[in-house]
Amino acid sequence: PVDGDRDFILTEPVYAECDRTTCRETWPPPKPIVFPR
């Protein structure tokens, strides 16, 4: 994070949400949709 002081190492399979100070691992939502009709 740009205002944080550490790296967050995320190893497969994992989902995380990062703000300007920290990252949190949590339950994954659906992935983004691509090639919509």
Full PDB file with SEQRES, HELIX, SHEET, SSBOND, CRYST1, ORIGX, SCALE, CONECT and MASTER records, all heavy atoms in Angstrom:
SEQRES   1 A   37  PRO VAL ASP GLY ASP ARG ASP PHE ILE LEU THR GLU PRO          
SEQRES   2 A   37  VAL TYR ALA GLU CYS ASP ARG THR THR CYS ARG GLU THR          
SEQRES   3 A   37  TRP PRO PRO PRO LYS PRO ILE VAL PHE PRO ARG                  
SHEET    1 AA1 2 ALA A  16  CYS A  18  0                                        
SHEET    2 AA1 2 CYS A  23  GLU A  25 -1                                        
SSBOND   1 CYS A   18    CYS A   23                          1555   1555  2.04  
CRYST1    1.000    1.000    1.000  90.00  90.00  90.00 P 1           1          
ORIGX1      1.000000  0.000000  0.000000        0.00000                         
ORIGX2      0.000000  1.000000  0.000000        0.00000                         
ORIGX3      0.000000  0.000000  1.000000        0.00000                         
SCALE1      1.000000  0.000000  0.000000        0.00000                         
SCALE2      0.000000  1.000000  0.000000        0.00000                         
SCALE3      0.000000  0.000000  1.000000        0.00000                         
ATOM      1  N   PRO A   1       0.835  -1.206   0.000  1.00  0.00           N  
ATOM      2  CA  PRO A   1       0.000   0.000   0.000  1.00  0.00           C  
ATOM      3  C   PRO A   1       0.870   1.257   0.000  1.00  0.00           C  
ATOM      4  O   PRO A   1       1.941   1.287   0.613  1.00  0.00           O  
ATOM      5  CB  PRO A   1      -0.803  -0.145   1.302  1.00  0.00           C  
ATOM      6  CG  PRO A   1      -0.840  -1.622   1.561  1.00  0.00           C  
ATOM      7  CD  PRO A   1       0.495  -2.121   1.100  1.00  0.00           C  
ATOM      8  N   VAL A   2       0.403   2.298  -0.677  1.00  0.00           N  
ATOM      9  CA  VAL A   2       1.228   3.494  -0.871  1.00  0.00           C  
ATOM     10  C   VAL A   2       1.550   4.218   0.430  1.00  0.00           C  
ATOM     11  O   VAL A   2       2.589   4.873   0.540  1.00  0.00           O  
ATOM     12  CB  VAL A   2       0.559   4.464  -1.870  1.00  0.00           C  
ATOM     13  CG1 VAL A   2       0.487   3.848  -3.251  1.00  0.00           C  
ATOM     14  CG2 VAL A   2      -0.842   4.872  -1.397  1.00  0.00           C  
ATOM     15  N   ASP A   3       0.676   4.119   1.430  1.00  0.00           N  
ATOM     16  CA  ASP A   3       0.942   4.759   2.720  1.00  0.00           C  
ATOM     17  C   ASP A   3       1.302   3.741   3.801  1.00  0.00           C  
ATOM     18  O   ASP A   3       1.319   4.072   4.987  1.00  0.00           O  
ATOM     19  CB  ASP A   3      -0.287   5.566   3.175  1.00  0.00           C  
ATOM     20  CG  ASP A   3      -0.552   6.758   2.268  1.00  0.00           C  
ATOM     21  OD1 ASP A   3       0.397   7.272   1.654  1.00  0.00           O  
ATOM     22  OD2 ASP A   3      -1.726   7.174   2.159  1.00  0.00           O  
ATOM     23  N   GLY A   4       1.586   2.512   3.399  1.00  0.00           N  
ATOM     24  CA  GLY A   4       1.934   1.474   4.357  1.00  0.00           C  
ATOM     25  C   GLY A   4       3.434   1.349   4.528  1.00  0.00           C  
ATOM     26  O   GLY A   4       4.222   1.988   3.826  1.00  0.00           O  
ATOM     27  N   ASP A   5       3.859   0.497   5.449  1.00  0.00           N  
ATOM     28  CA  ASP A   5       5.276   0.319   5.724  1.00  0.00           C  
ATOM     29  C   ASP A   5       5.702  -1.146   5.607  1.00  0.00           C  
ATOM     30  O   ASP A   5       6.735  -1.542   6.131  1.00  0.00           O  
ATOM     31  CB  ASP A   5       5.626   0.850   7.114  1.00  0.00           C  
ATOM     32  CG  ASP A   5       4.805   0.187   8.211  1.00  0.00           C  
ATOM     33  OD1 ASP A   5       3.993  -0.697   7.899  1.00  0.00           O  
ATOM     34  OD2 ASP A   5       4.977   0.560   9.388  1.00  0.00           O  
ATOM     35  N   ARG A   6       4.904  -1.975   4.912  1.00  0.00           N  
ATOM     36  CA  ARG A   6       5.251  -3.381   4.772  1.00  0.00           C  
ATOM     37  C   ARG A   6       4.664  -3.945   3.480  1.00  0.00           C  
ATOM     38  O   ARG A   6       3.743  -3.365   2.892  1.00  0.00           O  
ATOM     39  CB  ARG A   6       4.724  -4.191   5.954  1.00  0.00           C  
ATOM     40  CG  ARG A   6       3.224  -4.091   6.160  1.00  0.00           C  
ATOM     41  CD  ARG A   6       2.681  -5.157   7.106  1.00  0.00           C  
ATOM     42  NE  ARG A   6       2.688  -6.487   6.516  1.00  0.00           N  
ATOM     43  CZ  ARG A   6       1.953  -7.508   6.978  1.00  0.00           C  
ATOM     44  NH1 ARG A   6       1.210  -7.348   8.056  1.00  0.00           N  
ATOM     45  NH2 ARG A   6       1.992  -8.681   6.387  1.00  0.00           N  
ATOM     46  N   ASP A   7       5.246  -5.054   3.054  1.00  0.00           N  
ATOM     47  CA  ASP A   7       4.727  -5.788   1.904  1.00  0.00           C  
ATOM     48  C   ASP A   7       3.770  -6.871   2.385  1.00  0.00           C  
ATOM     49  O   ASP A   7       3.998  -7.497   3.431  1.00  0.00           O  
ATOM     50  CB  ASP A   7       5.862  -6.444   1.125  1.00  0.00           C  
ATOM     51  CG  ASP A   7       6.736  -5.444   0.403  1.00  0.00           C  
ATOM     52  OD1 ASP A   7       6.267  -4.317   0.156  1.00  0.00           O  
ATOM     53  OD2 ASP A   7       7.891  -5.785   0.092  1.00  0.00           O  
ATOM     54  N   PHE A   8       2.719  -7.116   1.611  1.00  0.00           N  
ATOM     55  CA  PHE A   8       1.786  -8.196   1.890  1.00  0.00           C  
ATOM     56  C   PHE A   8       2.000  -9.266   0.812  1.00  0.00           C  
ATOM     57  O   PHE A   8       1.797  -9.011  -0.373  1.00  0.00           O  
ATOM     58  CB  PHE A   8       0.345  -7.685   1.876  1.00  0.00           C  
ATOM     59  CG  PHE A   8       0.039  -6.769   3.025  1.00  0.00           C  
ATOM     60  CD1 PHE A   8       0.355  -5.417   2.947  1.00  0.00           C  
ATOM     61  CD2 PHE A   8      -0.539  -7.249   4.189  1.00  0.00           C  
ATOM     62  CE1 PHE A   8       0.085  -4.559   4.013  1.00  0.00           C  
ATOM     63  CE2 PHE A   8      -0.812  -6.409   5.256  1.00  0.00           C  
ATOM     64  CZ  PHE A   8      -0.496  -5.057   5.169  1.00  0.00           C  
ATOM     65  N   ILE A   9       2.438 -10.437   1.229  1.00  0.00           N  
ATOM     66  CA  ILE A   9       2.735 -11.523   0.309  1.00  0.00           C  
ATOM     67  C   ILE A   9       1.502 -12.407   0.188  1.00  0.00           C  
ATOM     68  O   ILE A   9       1.042 -13.003   1.169  1.00  0.00           O  
ATOM     69  CB  ILE A   9       3.951 -12.328   0.785  1.00  0.00           C  
ATOM     70  CG1 ILE A   9       5.180 -11.410   0.850  1.00  0.00           C  
ATOM     71  CG2 ILE A   9       4.218 -13.504  -0.156  1.00  0.00           C  
ATOM     72  CD1 ILE A   9       6.419 -12.073   1.411  1.00  0.00           C  
ATOM     73  N   LEU A  10       0.953 -12.476  -1.018  1.00  0.00           N  
ATOM     74  CA  LEU A  10      -0.298 -13.193  -1.282  1.00  0.00           C  
ATOM     75  C   LEU A  10       0.010 -14.372  -2.191  1.00  0.00           C  
ATOM     76  O   LEU A  10       0.377 -14.197  -3.350  1.00  0.00           O  
ATOM     77  CB  LEU A  10      -1.307 -12.255  -1.946  1.00  0.00           C  
ATOM     78  CG  LEU A  10      -1.548 -10.916  -1.225  1.00  0.00           C  
ATOM     79  CD1 LEU A  10      -2.404  -9.999  -2.083  1.00  0.00           C  
ATOM     80  CD2 LEU A  10      -2.183 -11.136   0.136  1.00  0.00           C  
ATOM     81  N   THR A  11      -0.127 -15.578  -1.653  1.00  0.00           N  
ATOM     82  CA  THR A  11       0.214 -16.790  -2.385  1.00  0.00           C  
ATOM     83  C   THR A  11      -1.044 -17.568  -2.745  1.00  0.00           C  
ATOM     84  O   THR A  11      -1.962 -17.702  -1.944  1.00  0.00           O  
ATOM     85  CB  THR A  11       1.160 -17.671  -1.554  1.00  0.00           C  
ATOM     86  OG1 THR A  11       2.349 -16.919  -1.263  1.00  0.00           O  
ATOM     87  CG2 THR A  11       1.559 -18.925  -2.317  1.00  0.00           C  
ATOM     88  N   GLU A  12      -1.073 -18.055  -3.955  1.00  0.00           N  
ATOM     89  CA  GLU A  12      -2.245 -18.753  -4.505  1.00  0.00           C  
ATOM     90  C   GLU A  12      -2.781 -19.853  -3.574  1.00  0.00           C  
ATOM     91  O   GLU A  12      -2.006 -20.484  -2.863  1.00  0.00           O  
ATOM     92  CB  GLU A  12      -1.871 -19.403  -5.828  1.00  0.00           C  
ATOM     93  CG  GLU A  12      -0.757 -20.443  -5.639  1.00  0.00           C  
ATOM     94  CD  GLU A  12      -0.630 -21.393  -6.807  1.00  0.00           C  
ATOM     95  OE1 GLU A  12      -1.630 -22.003  -7.216  1.00  0.00           O  
ATOM     96  OE2 GLU A  12       0.495 -21.514  -7.296  1.00  0.00           O  
ATOM     97  N   PRO A  13      -4.078 -20.147  -3.660  1.00  0.00           N  
ATOM     98  CA  PRO A  13      -5.138 -19.265  -4.173  1.00  0.00           C  
ATOM     99  C   PRO A  13      -5.552 -18.311  -3.069  1.00  0.00           C  
ATOM    100  O   PRO A  13      -5.740 -18.728  -1.927  1.00  0.00           O  
ATOM    101  CB  PRO A  13      -6.259 -20.250  -4.511  1.00  0.00           C  
ATOM    102  CG  PRO A  13      -6.091 -21.348  -3.500  1.00  0.00           C  
ATOM    103  CD  PRO A  13      -4.611 -21.443  -3.208  1.00  0.00           C  
ATOM    104  N   VAL A  14      -5.679 -17.046  -3.397  1.00  0.00           N  
ATOM    105  CA  VAL A  14      -6.007 -16.071  -2.366  1.00  0.00           C  
ATOM    106  C   VAL A  14      -6.708 -14.871  -3.000  1.00  0.00           C  
ATOM    107  O   VAL A  14      -6.493 -14.556  -4.170  1.00  0.00           O  
ATOM    108  CB  VAL A  14      -4.731 -15.613  -1.619  1.00  0.00           C  
ATOM    109  CG1 VAL A  14      -3.824 -14.824  -2.549  1.00  0.00           C  
ATOM    110  CG2 VAL A  14      -5.055 -14.805  -0.367  1.00  0.00           C  
ATOM    111  N   TYR A  15      -7.564 -14.231  -2.210  1.00  0.00           N  
ATOM    112  CA  TYR A  15      -8.198 -12.971  -2.599  1.00  0.00           C  
ATOM    113  C   TYR A  15      -7.937 -11.973  -1.483  1.00  0.00           C  
ATOM    114  O   TYR A  15      -8.038 -12.303  -0.295  1.00  0.00           O  
ATOM    115  CB  TYR A  15      -9.700 -13.146  -2.790  1.00  0.00           C  
ATOM    116  CG  TYR A  15     -10.440 -11.831  -2.920  1.00  0.00           C  
ATOM    117  CD1 TYR A  15     -10.406 -11.115  -4.111  1.00  0.00           C  
ATOM    118  CD2 TYR A  15     -11.150 -11.311  -1.845  1.00  0.00           C  
ATOM    119  CE1 TYR A  15     -11.069  -9.902  -4.225  1.00  0.00           C  
ATOM    120  CE2 TYR A  15     -11.824 -10.104  -1.955  1.00  0.00           C  
ATOM    121  CZ  TYR A  15     -11.783  -9.400  -3.143  1.00  0.00           C  
ATOM    122  OH  TYR A  15     -12.435  -8.202  -3.254  1.00  0.00           O  
ATOM    123  N   ALA A  16      -7.570 -10.733  -1.853  1.00  0.00           N  
ATOM    124  CA  ALA A  16      -7.309  -9.704  -0.852  1.00  0.00           C  
ATOM    125  C   ALA A  16      -7.818  -8.356  -1.339  1.00  0.00           C  
ATOM    126  O   ALA A  16      -7.906  -8.113  -2.552  1.00  0.00           O  
ATOM    127  CB  ALA A  16      -5.812  -9.618  -0.543  1.00  0.00           C  
ATOM    128  N   GLU A  17      -8.126  -7.500  -0.385  1.00  0.00           N  
ATOM    129  CA  GLU A  17      -8.530  -6.125  -0.661  1.00  0.00           C  
ATOM    130  C   GLU A  17      -7.537  -5.190   0.015  1.00  0.00           C  
ATOM    131  O   GLU A  17      -7.279  -5.317   1.215  1.00  0.00           O  
ATOM    132  CB  GLU A  17      -9.949  -5.874  -0.148  1.00  0.00           C  
ATOM    133  CG  GLU A  17     -10.987  -6.737  -0.851  1.00  0.00           C  
ATOM    134  CD  GLU A  17     -12.405  -6.510  -0.330  1.00  0.00           C  
ATOM    135  OE1 GLU A  17     -12.543  -5.845   0.716  1.00  0.00           O  
ATOM    136  OE2 GLU A  17     -13.344  -7.007  -0.973  1.00  0.00           O  
ATOM    137  N   CYS A  18      -6.974  -4.264  -0.782  1.00  0.00           N  
ATOM    138  CA  CYS A  18      -5.965  -3.332  -0.273  1.00  0.00           C  
ATOM    139  C   CYS A  18      -6.485  -1.900  -0.327  1.00  0.00           C  
ATOM    140  O   CYS A  18      -7.088  -1.489  -1.332  1.00  0.00           O  
ATOM    141  CB  CYS A  18      -4.680  -3.425  -1.090  1.00  0.00           C  
ATOM    142  SG  CYS A  18      -3.892  -5.049  -1.086  1.00  0.00           S  
ATOM    143  N   ASP A  19      -6.243  -1.146   0.749  1.00  0.00           N  
ATOM    144  CA  ASP A  19      -6.450   0.293   0.715  1.00  0.00           C  
ATOM    145  C   ASP A  19      -5.074   0.950   0.808  1.00  0.00           C  
ATOM    146  O   ASP A  19      -4.057   0.305   0.552  1.00  0.00           O  
ATOM    147  CB  ASP A  19      -7.411   0.753   1.819  1.00  0.00           C  
ATOM    148  CG  ASP A  19      -6.942   0.361   3.213  1.00  0.00           C  
ATOM    149  OD1 ASP A  19      -5.711   0.218   3.424  1.00  0.00           O  
ATOM    150  OD2 ASP A  19      -7.794   0.210   4.111  1.00  0.00           O  
ATOM    151  N   ARG A  20      -5.010   2.217   1.171  1.00  0.00           N  
ATOM    152  CA  ARG A  20      -3.743   2.931   1.137  1.00  0.00           C  
ATOM    153  C   ARG A  20      -2.783   2.525   2.253  1.00  0.00           C  
ATOM    154  O   ARG A  20      -1.594   2.869   2.217  1.00  0.00           O  
ATOM    155  CB  ARG A  20      -3.989   4.445   1.197  1.00  0.00           C  
ATOM    156  CG  ARG A  20      -4.762   4.988   0.004  1.00  0.00           C  
ATOM    157  CD  ARG A  20      -4.912   6.502   0.103  1.00  0.00           C  
ATOM    158  NE  ARG A  20      -3.636   7.178  -0.077  1.00  0.00           N  
ATOM    159  CZ  ARG A  20      -3.146   7.564  -1.250  1.00  0.00           C  
ATOM    160  NH1 ARG A  20      -3.817   7.322  -2.371  1.00  0.00           N  
ATOM    161  NH2 ARG A  20      -1.973   8.184  -1.314  1.00  0.00           N  
ATOM    162  N   THR A  21      -3.259   1.790   3.257  1.00  0.00           N  
ATOM    163  CA  THR A  21      -2.397   1.446   4.389  1.00  0.00           C  
ATOM    164  C   THR A  21      -2.228  -0.044   4.629  1.00  0.00           C  
ATOM    165  O   THR A  21      -1.236  -0.465   5.221  1.00  0.00           O  
ATOM    166  CB  THR A  21      -2.929   2.085   5.693  1.00  0.00           C  
ATOM    167  OG1 THR A  21      -4.259   1.607   5.933  1.00  0.00           O  
ATOM    168  CG2 THR A  21      -2.935   3.605   5.586  1.00  0.00           C  
ATOM    169  N   THR A  22      -3.177  -0.882   4.188  1.00  0.00           N  
ATOM    170  CA  THR A  22      -3.096  -2.300   4.520  1.00  0.00           C  
ATOM    171  C   THR A  22      -3.823  -3.157   3.490  1.00  0.00           C  
ATOM    172  O   THR A  22      -4.576  -2.631   2.655  1.00  0.00           O  
ATOM    173  CB  THR A  22      -3.694  -2.553   5.925  1.00  0.00           C  
ATOM    174  OG1 THR A  22      -3.381  -3.888   6.338  1.00  0.00           O  
ATOM    175  CG2 THR A  22      -5.202  -2.354   5.919  1.00  0.00           C  
ATOM    176  N   CYS A  23      -3.590  -4.467   3.554  1.00  0.00           N  
ATOM    177  CA  CYS A  23      -4.293  -5.444   2.729  1.00  0.00           C  
ATOM    178  C   CYS A  23      -4.910  -6.497   3.638  1.00  0.00           C  
ATOM    179  O   CYS A  23      -4.300  -6.896   4.633  1.00  0.00           O  
ATOM    180  CB  CYS A  23      -3.343  -6.131   1.750  1.00  0.00           C  
ATOM    181  SG  CYS A  23      -2.610  -5.045   0.500  1.00  0.00           S  
ATOM    182  N   ARG A  24      -6.117  -6.938   3.288  1.00  0.00           N  
ATOM    183  CA  ARG A  24      -6.809  -7.940   4.094  1.00  0.00           C  
ATOM    184  C   ARG A  24      -7.255  -9.082   3.190  1.00  0.00           C  
ATOM    185  O   ARG A  24      -7.904  -8.851   2.169  1.00  0.00           O  
ATOM    186  CB  ARG A  24      -8.047  -7.349   4.769  1.00  0.00           C  
ATOM    187  CG  ARG A  24      -7.800  -6.092   5.585  1.00  0.00           C  
ATOM    188  CD  ARG A  24      -9.121  -5.478   6.049  1.00  0.00           C  
ATOM    189  NE  ARG A  24      -8.960  -4.123   6.510  1.00  0.00           N  
ATOM    190  CZ  ARG A  24      -8.888  -3.061   5.724  1.00  0.00           C  
ATOM    191  NH1 ARG A  24      -8.978  -3.222   4.405  1.00  0.00           N  
ATOM    192  NH2 ARG A  24      -8.734  -1.858   6.223  1.00  0.00           N  
ATOM    193  N   GLU A  25      -6.929 -10.308   3.585  1.00  0.00           N  
ATOM    194  CA  GLU A  25      -7.430 -11.473   2.880  1.00  0.00           C  
ATOM    195  C   GLU A  25      -8.855 -11.748   3.332  1.00  0.00           C  
ATOM    196  O   GLU A  25      -9.167 -11.659   4.522  1.00  0.00           O  
ATOM    197  CB  GLU A  25      -6.542 -12.689   3.164  1.00  0.00           C  
ATOM    198  CG  GLU A  25      -5.128 -12.529   2.618  1.00  0.00           C  
ATOM    199  CD  GLU A  25      -4.294 -13.780   2.817  1.00  0.00           C  
ATOM    200  OE1 GLU A  25      -4.895 -14.877   2.923  1.00  0.00           O  
ATOM    201  OE2 GLU A  25      -3.054 -13.660   2.880  1.00  0.00           O  
ATOM    202  N   THR A  26      -9.730 -12.057   2.378  1.00  0.00           N  
ATOM    203  CA  THR A  26     -11.129 -12.280   2.713  1.00  0.00           C  
ATOM    204  C   THR A  26     -11.749 -13.225   1.683  1.00  0.00           C  
ATOM    205  O   THR A  26     -11.076 -13.701   0.770  1.00  0.00           O  
ATOM    206  CB  THR A  26     -11.891 -10.940   2.773  1.00  0.00           C  
ATOM    207  OG1 THR A  26     -13.230 -11.170   3.192  1.00  0.00           O  
ATOM    208  CG2 THR A  26     -11.885 -10.244   1.420  1.00  0.00           C  
ATOM    209  N   TRP A  27     -13.037 -13.495   1.833  1.00  0.00           N  
ATOM    210  CA  TRP A  27     -13.731 -14.407   0.941  1.00  0.00           C  
ATOM    211  C   TRP A  27     -13.850 -13.786  -0.446  1.00  0.00           C  
ATOM    212  O   TRP A  27     -14.260 -12.639  -0.582  1.00  0.00           O  
ATOM    213  CB  TRP A  27     -15.114 -14.735   1.499  1.00  0.00           C  
ATOM    214  CG  TRP A  27     -15.824 -15.805   0.714  1.00  0.00           C  
ATOM    215  CD1 TRP A  27     -16.810 -15.629  -0.213  1.00  0.00           C  
ATOM    216  CD2 TRP A  27     -15.584 -17.206   0.776  1.00  0.00           C  
ATOM    217  NE1 TRP A  27     -17.201 -16.827  -0.745  1.00  0.00           N  
ATOM    218  CE2 TRP A  27     -16.463 -17.828  -0.153  1.00  0.00           C  
ATOM    219  CE3 TRP A  27     -14.720 -18.011   1.505  1.00  0.00           C  
ATOM    220  CZ2 TRP A  27     -16.496 -19.210  -0.359  1.00  0.00           C  
ATOM    221  CZ3 TRP A  27     -14.755 -19.386   1.307  1.00  0.00           C  
ATOM    222  CH2 TRP A  27     -15.634 -19.973   0.389  1.00  0.00           C  
ATOM    223  N   PRO A  28     -13.498 -14.538  -1.502  1.00  0.00           N  
ATOM    224  CA  PRO A  28     -13.471 -13.927  -2.847  1.00  0.00           C  
ATOM    225  C   PRO A  28     -14.853 -13.741  -3.452  1.00  0.00           C  
ATOM    226  O   PRO A  28     -15.661 -14.672  -3.466  1.00  0.00           O  
ATOM    227  CB  PRO A  28     -12.658 -14.937  -3.666  1.00  0.00           C  
ATOM    228  CG  PRO A  28     -12.858 -16.241  -2.970  1.00  0.00           C  
ATOM    229  CD  PRO A  28     -12.981 -15.911  -1.508  1.00  0.00           C  
ATOM    230  N   PRO A  29     -15.125 -12.560  -3.984  1.00  0.00           N  
ATOM    231  CA  PRO A  29     -16.352 -12.343  -4.777  1.00  0.00           C  
ATOM    232  C   PRO A  29     -16.128 -12.866  -6.189  1.00  0.00           C  
ATOM    233  O   PRO A  29     -15.022 -13.289  -6.538  1.00  0.00           O  
ATOM    234  CB  PRO A  29     -16.492 -10.820  -4.762  1.00  0.00           C  
ATOM    235  CG  PRO A  29     -15.077 -10.339  -4.714  1.00  0.00           C  
ATOM    236  CD  PRO A  29     -14.320 -11.339  -3.873  1.00  0.00           C  
ATOM    237  N   PRO A  30     -17.149 -12.868  -7.037  1.00  0.00           N  
ATOM    238  CA  PRO A  30     -16.959 -13.277  -8.439  1.00  0.00           C  
ATOM    239  C   PRO A  30     -15.924 -12.400  -9.136  1.00  0.00           C  
ATOM    240  O   PRO A  30     -15.812 -11.206  -8.845  1.00  0.00           O  
ATOM    241  CB  PRO A  30     -18.350 -13.090  -9.053  1.00  0.00           C  
ATOM    242  CG  PRO A  30     -19.293 -13.136  -7.899  1.00  0.00           C  
ATOM    243  CD  PRO A  30     -18.551 -12.534  -6.745  1.00  0.00           C  
ATOM    244  N   LYS A  31     -15.185 -12.989 -10.039  1.00  0.00           N  
ATOM    245  CA  LYS A  31     -14.186 -12.235 -10.786  1.00  0.00           C  
ATOM    246  C   LYS A  31     -14.866 -11.334 -11.818  1.00  0.00           C  
ATOM    247  O   LYS A  31     -16.017 -11.561 -12.185  1.00  0.00           O  
ATOM    248  CB  LYS A  31     -13.214 -13.200 -11.470  1.00  0.00           C  
ATOM    249  CG  LYS A  31     -12.322 -13.927 -10.478  1.00  0.00           C  
ATOM    250  CD  LYS A  31     -11.452 -14.947 -11.171  1.00  0.00           C  
ATOM    251  CE  LYS A  31     -10.617 -15.690 -10.129  1.00  0.00           C  
ATOM    252  NZ  LYS A  31      -9.879 -16.818 -10.736  1.00  0.00           N  
ATOM    253  N   PRO A  32     -14.160 -10.312 -12.275  1.00  0.00           N  
ATOM    254  CA  PRO A  32     -14.756  -9.383 -13.253  1.00  0.00           C  
ATOM    255  C   PRO A  32     -15.207 -10.103 -14.520  1.00  0.00           C  
ATOM    256  O   PRO A  32     -14.625 -11.111 -14.935  1.00  0.00           O  
ATOM    257  CB  PRO A  32     -13.608  -8.416 -13.545  1.00  0.00           C  
ATOM    258  CG  PRO A  32     -12.743  -8.473 -12.327  1.00  0.00           C  
ATOM    259  CD  PRO A  32     -12.813  -9.887 -11.855  1.00  0.00           C  
ATOM    260  N   ILE A  33     -16.255  -9.577 -15.128  1.00  0.00           N  
ATOM    261  CA  ILE A  33     -16.788 -10.113 -16.382  1.00  0.00           C  
ATOM    262  C   ILE A  33     -15.996  -9.544 -17.557  1.00  0.00           C  
ATOM    263  O   ILE A  33     -15.700  -8.347 -17.597  1.00  0.00           O  
ATOM    264  CB  ILE A  33     -18.278  -9.768 -16.528  1.00  0.00           C  
ATOM    265  CG1 ILE A  33     -19.088 -10.473 -15.435  1.00  0.00           C  
ATOM    266  CG2 ILE A  33     -18.802 -10.149 -17.909  1.00  0.00           C  
ATOM    267  CD1 ILE A  33     -20.546 -10.057 -15.400  1.00  0.00           C  
ATOM    268  N   VAL A  34     -15.652 -10.392 -18.521  1.00  0.00           N  
ATOM    269  CA  VAL A  34     -14.970  -9.936 -19.734  1.00  0.00           C  
ATOM    270  C   VAL A  34     -15.734 -10.452 -20.952  1.00  0.00           C  
ATOM    271  O   VAL A  34     -16.523 -11.387 -20.860  1.00  0.00           O  
ATOM    272  CB  VAL A  34     -13.507 -10.413 -19.779  1.00  0.00           C  
ATOM    273  CG1 VAL A  34     -12.704  -9.754 -18.674  1.00  0.00           C  
ATOM    274  CG2 VAL A  34     -13.422 -11.933 -19.674  1.00  0.00           C  
ATOM    275  N   PHE A  35     -15.505  -9.806 -22.087  1.00  0.00           N  
ATOM    276  CA  PHE A  35     -16.179 -10.118 -23.347  1.00  0.00           C  
ATOM    277  C   PHE A  35     -17.704 -10.212 -23.161  1.00  0.00           C  
ATOM    278  O   PHE A  35     -18.328 -11.224 -23.473  1.00  0.00           O  
ATOM    279  CB  PHE A  35     -15.647 -11.424 -23.950  1.00  0.00           C  
ATOM    280  CG  PHE A  35     -14.214 -11.328 -24.386  1.00  0.00           C  
ATOM    281  CD1 PHE A  35     -13.208 -11.916 -23.641  1.00  0.00           C  
ATOM    282  CD2 PHE A  35     -13.874 -10.635 -25.549  1.00  0.00           C  
ATOM    283  CE1 PHE A  35     -11.877 -11.820 -24.035  1.00  0.00           C  
ATOM    284  CE2 PHE A  35     -12.544 -10.541 -25.949  1.00  0.00           C  
ATOM    285  CZ  PHE A  35     -11.545 -11.134 -25.189  1.00  0.00           C  
ATOM    286  N   PRO A  36     -18.319  -9.144 -22.630  1.00  0.00           N  
ATOM    287  CA  PRO A  36     -19.780  -9.165 -22.471  1.00  0.00           C  
ATOM    288  C   PRO A  36     -20.475  -9.180 -23.831  1.00  0.00           C  
ATOM    289  O   PRO A  36     -19.925  -8.718 -24.837  1.00  0.00           O  
ATOM    290  CB  PRO A  36     -20.072  -7.855 -21.723  1.00  0.00           C  
ATOM    291  CG  PRO A  36     -18.958  -6.946 -22.137  1.00  0.00           C  
ATOM    292  CD  PRO A  36     -17.744  -7.835 -22.260  1.00  0.00           C  
ATOM    293  N   ARG A  37     -21.670  -9.708 -23.856  1.00  0.00           N  
ATOM    294  CA  ARG A  37     -22.440  -9.733 -25.102  1.00  0.00           C  
ATOM    295  C   ARG A  37     -22.812  -8.311 -25.489  1.00  0.00           C  
ATOM    296  O   ARG A  37     -23.366  -7.556 -24.697  1.00  0.00           O  
ATOM    297  CB  ARG A  37     -23.706 -10.572 -24.917  1.00  0.00           C  
ATOM    298  CG  ARG A  37     -24.579 -10.638 -26.162  1.00  0.00           C  
ATOM    299  CD  ARG A  37     -25.811 -11.475 -25.934  1.00  0.00           C  
ATOM    300  NE  ARG A  37     -26.691 -11.467 -27.097  1.00  0.00           N  
ATOM    301  CZ  ARG A  37     -27.582 -10.511 -27.352  1.00  0.00           C  
ATOM    302  NH1 ARG A  37     -27.728  -9.502 -26.505  1.00  0.00           N  
ATOM    303  NH2 ARG A  37     -28.332 -10.558 -28.436  1.00  0.00           N  
TER     304      ARG A  37                                                      
CONECT  142  181                                                                
CONECT  181  142                                                                
MASTER        0    0    0    0    2    0    0    6  303    1    2    3          
END                                                                             
